[in-house]
């Protein structure tokens, strides 16, 4: 997969670093979310991943057949590609296998939560305005890291993906016995400045757990 890398300026030989895998929303690209994580490369290896599908002027990780319903075959393919990329990065960079994080907005949040639910290697997920597909809950093998922590945020006036879906994400992860930080904002389908401050603070605190 194509990706944009941001890494610590001074790599200490033999040291393992936490990693943050960033997934964009539908129709954008690997540069779209870099401003949200600017400066975090002092601590994390940051891999901002381009979706493998062409979508308008940009890219996507999956296609949709209806409201809140991804095409299952295409979705599965996207999840497999992202899983293999995380494995590739873990083998080719000095990453701490116990501190792997996922972050995404909209479509990126959807794949981030799915990967967090199914890959025991993942320590944390930042899901900004997404949902968990029904078939993931019902048919995927749910096997999260026992130490997985989740930051979920959603705009109260989101017209693309309803606010209620954000609440359902919170309830689902909480029901699995996992620690969830849920934040709502008086916004639409976007990431506010306060949202950025909140998830960055959460990440910096959690990576020291």
Protein backbone atom coordinates (compact mmCIF):
# COMPACT_ATOMS: atom_id res chain seq x y z
CA UNK A 1 0.00 0.00 0.00
CA UNK A 2 1.09 3.59 -0.59
CA UNK A 3 1.78 5.56 2.57
CA UNK A 4 3.35 8.73 3.88
CA UNK A 5 5.82 8.23 6.73
CA UNK A 6 6.65 10.60 9.57
CA UNK A 7 9.26 9.37 12.03
CA UNK A 8 11.32 10.63 14.97
CA UNK A 9 14.21 12.83 13.82
CA UNK A 10 16.80 11.10 15.94
CA UNK A 11 16.34 7.33 15.85
CA UNK A 12 18.19 5.57 18.66
CA UNK A 13 19.69 2.30 17.36
CA UNK A 14 18.01 -0.70 18.96
CA UNK A 15 15.15 1.34 20.42
CA UNK A 16 11.57 0.33 19.63
CA UNK A 17 9.04 3.11 19.02
CA UNK A 18 5.25 3.23 19.23
CA UNK A 19 3.44 3.45 15.91
CA UNK A 20 0.35 5.31 14.75
CA UNK A 21 -1.40 4.09 11.60
CA UNK A 22 -3.63 6.82 10.15
CA UNK A 23 -6.55 6.13 7.77
CA UNK A 24 -8.28 8.92 5.86
CA UNK A 25 -11.94 9.38 4.93
CA UNK A 26 -13.54 8.51 1.60
CA UNK A 27 -12.32 10.50 -1.38
CA UNK A 28 -9.20 12.01 0.19
CA UNK A 29 -5.63 10.75 0.48
CA UNK A 30 -2.68 10.00 2.75
CA UNK A 31 -1.87 13.70 3.22
CA UNK A 32 -5.35 14.72 4.39
CA UNK A 33 -4.92 13.99 8.11
CA UNK A 34 -1.24 14.72 8.63
CA UNK A 35 -1.94 18.18 10.06
CA UNK A 36 -3.98 16.54 12.86
CA UNK A 37 -0.97 14.53 14.04
CA UNK A 38 1.72 17.12 13.37
CA UNK A 39 4.43 16.89 16.05
CA UNK A 40 3.45 13.42 17.25
CA UNK A 41 6.28 12.01 15.12
CA UNK A 42 8.56 13.08 17.98
CA UNK A 43 7.15 10.02 19.78
CA UNK A 44 5.50 7.79 17.16
CA UNK A 45 6.35 6.37 13.81
CA UNK A 46 3.35 7.68 11.85
CA UNK A 47 2.14 5.77 8.80
CA UNK A 48 -0.56 7.67 6.92
CA UNK A 49 -2.02 5.11 4.54
CA UNK A 50 -3.65 5.71 1.17
CA UNK A 51 -6.79 3.70 0.45
CA UNK A 52 -6.21 1.19 -2.36
CA UNK A 53 -9.37 2.12 -4.31
CA UNK A 54 -9.83 5.14 -6.56
CA UNK A 55 -12.66 7.35 -5.32
CA UNK A 56 -13.38 10.59 -7.17
CA UNK A 57 -10.36 12.87 -6.83
CA UNK A 58 -8.97 10.69 -4.05
CA UNK A 59 -9.09 7.20 -2.60
CA UNK A 60 -11.08 4.82 -0.41
CA UNK A 61 -10.60 1.67 1.66
CA UNK A 62 -13.98 0.19 0.65
CA UNK A 63 -17.14 0.94 -1.30
CA UNK A 64 -20.69 1.15 0.04
CA UNK A 65 -23.89 -0.48 -1.18
CA UNK A 66 -26.21 1.53 1.06
CA UNK A 67 -26.42 3.75 4.10
CA UNK A 68 -24.06 2.29 6.69
CA UNK A 69 -23.57 -0.85 4.57
CA UNK A 70 -20.16 -1.49 2.99
CA UNK A 71 -19.83 -3.97 0.16
CA UNK A 72 -18.75 -7.00 2.17
CA UNK A 73 -16.25 -8.48 -0.31
CA UNK A 74 -14.56 -5.12 -0.93
CA UNK A 75 -14.52 -4.35 2.79
CA UNK A 76 -12.94 -7.71 3.62
CA UNK A 77 -10.28 -7.05 0.98
CA UNK A 78 -9.49 -3.65 2.45
CA UNK A 79 -9.19 -5.07 5.97
CA UNK A 80 -6.87 -7.80 4.72
CA UNK A 81 -4.65 -5.28 2.93
CA UNK A 82 -4.44 -3.08 6.05
CA UNK A 83 -3.68 -6.10 8.23
CA UNK A 84 -0.83 -7.08 5.93
CA UNK A 85 0.47 -3.52 5.88
CA UNK A 86 0.59 -3.38 9.69
CA UNK A 87 2.53 -6.66 9.63
CA UNK A 88 4.86 -5.26 6.96
CA UNK A 89 5.55 -2.09 8.95
CA UNK A 90 6.13 -4.08 12.14
CA UNK A 91 8.74 -6.20 10.37
CA UNK A 92 10.52 -3.38 8.53
CA UNK A 93 10.63 -0.55 11.08
CA UNK A 94 11.76 -0.32 14.70
CA UNK A 95 8.25 -0.57 16.15
CA UNK A 96 7.28 -1.56 19.68
CA UNK A 97 4.83 -4.44 19.09
CA UNK A 98 3.03 -3.64 22.36
CA UNK A 99 2.28 -0.02 21.35
CA UNK A 100 0.55 -0.06 17.98
CA UNK A 101 -2.23 2.52 17.49
CA UNK A 102 -4.83 3.10 14.80
CA UNK A 103 -6.53 6.37 13.99
CA UNK A 104 -9.11 7.25 11.38
CA UNK A 105 -11.84 9.67 10.34
CA UNK A 106 -15.16 8.51 8.88
CA UNK A 107 -14.27 5.57 6.61
CA UNK A 108 -10.86 5.52 8.29
CA UNK A 109 -12.57 5.26 11.69
CA UNK A 110 -14.66 2.34 10.44
CA UNK A 111 -11.62 0.30 9.38
CA UNK A 112 -9.69 1.37 12.50
CA UNK A 113 -12.38 0.07 14.84
CA UNK A 114 -12.70 -3.15 12.82
CA UNK A 115 -8.96 -3.78 12.97
CA UNK A 116 -8.88 -2.95 16.68
CA UNK A 117 -11.62 -5.53 17.29
CA UNK A 118 -9.89 -8.27 15.32
CA UNK A 119 -6.14 -7.78 15.75
CA UNK A 120 -4.76 -8.55 19.22
CA UNK A 121 -1.62 -6.56 18.37
CA UNK A 122 -3.46 -3.23 18.53
CA UNK A 123 -3.16 -1.29 21.80
CA UNK A 124 -5.29 1.73 21.01
CA UNK A 125 -7.83 3.11 18.53
CA UNK A 126 -8.82 6.70 17.83
CA UNK A 127 -12.12 6.60 15.92
CA UNK A 128 -13.37 9.97 14.70
CA UNK A 129 -16.95 9.88 13.38
CA UNK A 130 -17.37 6.28 12.25
CA UNK A 131 -19.43 3.13 12.83
CA UNK A 132 -18.92 -0.62 13.16
CA UNK A 133 -20.59 -2.55 10.31
CA UNK A 134 -23.21 -5.05 11.47
CA UNK A 135 -21.46 -7.94 9.72
CA UNK A 136 -18.26 -7.15 11.64
CA UNK A 137 -20.09 -7.51 14.94
CA UNK A 138 -21.96 -10.63 13.86
CA UNK A 139 -19.54 -12.50 11.60
CA UNK A 140 -15.97 -11.36 12.19
CA UNK A 141 -13.88 -13.05 14.86
CA UNK A 142 -13.83 -10.47 17.64
CA UNK A 143 -10.49 -10.88 19.40
CA UNK A 144 -9.17 -7.54 20.68
CA UNK A 145 -6.05 -6.98 22.74
CA UNK A 146 -6.99 -7.41 26.41
CA UNK A 147 -5.31 -4.04 27.01
CA UNK A 148 -7.04 -2.28 24.12
CA UNK A 149 -8.22 1.26 24.86
CA UNK A 150 -10.46 3.30 22.59
CA UNK A 151 -11.07 7.00 21.98
CA UNK A 152 -14.35 7.61 20.12
CA UNK A 153 -15.66 11.00 19.06
CA UNK A 154 -18.66 12.12 17.04
CA UNK A 155 -20.31 15.34 16.01
CA UNK A 156 -23.76 15.89 17.52
CA UNK A 157 -24.98 17.35 14.22
CA UNK A 158 -23.28 14.87 11.90
CA UNK A 159 -25.48 14.55 8.79
CA UNK A 160 -23.26 11.97 7.07
CA UNK A 161 -23.04 9.40 9.88
CA UNK A 162 -25.62 9.94 12.66
CA UNK A 163 -24.48 10.86 16.15
CA UNK A 164 -26.37 7.82 17.46
CA UNK A 165 -23.89 5.59 15.66
CA UNK A 166 -21.11 7.13 17.72
CA UNK A 167 -23.00 6.31 20.90
CA UNK A 168 -23.48 2.75 19.67
CA UNK A 169 -19.72 2.44 19.13
CA UNK A 170 -19.19 3.50 22.73
CA UNK A 171 -21.74 0.99 24.01
CA UNK A 172 -20.30 -1.85 21.93
CA UNK A 173 -16.70 -1.44 23.12
CA UNK A 174 -17.85 -0.83 26.69
CA UNK A 175 -19.89 -4.03 26.48
CA UNK A 176 -16.69 -5.91 25.67
CA UNK A 177 -15.24 -4.66 28.96
CA UNK A 178 -12.76 -2.32 27.29
CA UNK A 179 -11.96 1.21 28.50
CA UNK A 180 -13.58 3.82 26.25
CA UNK A 181 -13.24 7.59 26.19
CA UNK A 182 -16.28 8.96 24.36
CA UNK A 183 -16.43 12.62 23.35
CA UNK A 184 -19.14 14.51 21.51
CA UNK A 185 -18.90 17.95 19.94
CA UNK A 186 -21.45 20.48 18.63
CA UNK A 187 -20.22 19.87 15.08
CA UNK A 188 -21.18 18.15 11.84
CA UNK A 189 -19.11 15.53 10.00
CA UNK A 190 -15.76 17.08 10.76
CA UNK A 191 -12.94 17.17 13.31
CA UNK A 192 -12.98 20.29 15.45
CA UNK A 193 -9.97 21.92 17.05
CA UNK A 194 -11.16 20.75 20.48
CA UNK A 195 -11.51 17.22 19.12
CA UNK A 196 -7.90 17.32 17.94
CA UNK A 197 -6.66 18.55 21.31
CA UNK A 198 -8.64 15.83 23.10
CA UNK A 199 -7.48 12.86 21.04
CA UNK A 200 -3.87 14.03 21.06
CA UNK A 201 -3.95 14.29 24.87
CA UNK A 202 -5.54 10.83 25.05
CA UNK A 203 -2.86 9.33 22.79
CA UNK A 204 0.02 10.86 24.72
CA UNK A 205 -1.42 9.61 28.00
CA UNK A 206 -2.27 6.13 26.76
CA UNK A 207 1.08 5.46 25.11
CA UNK A 208 2.66 5.75 28.57
CA UNK A 209 0.30 3.19 30.11
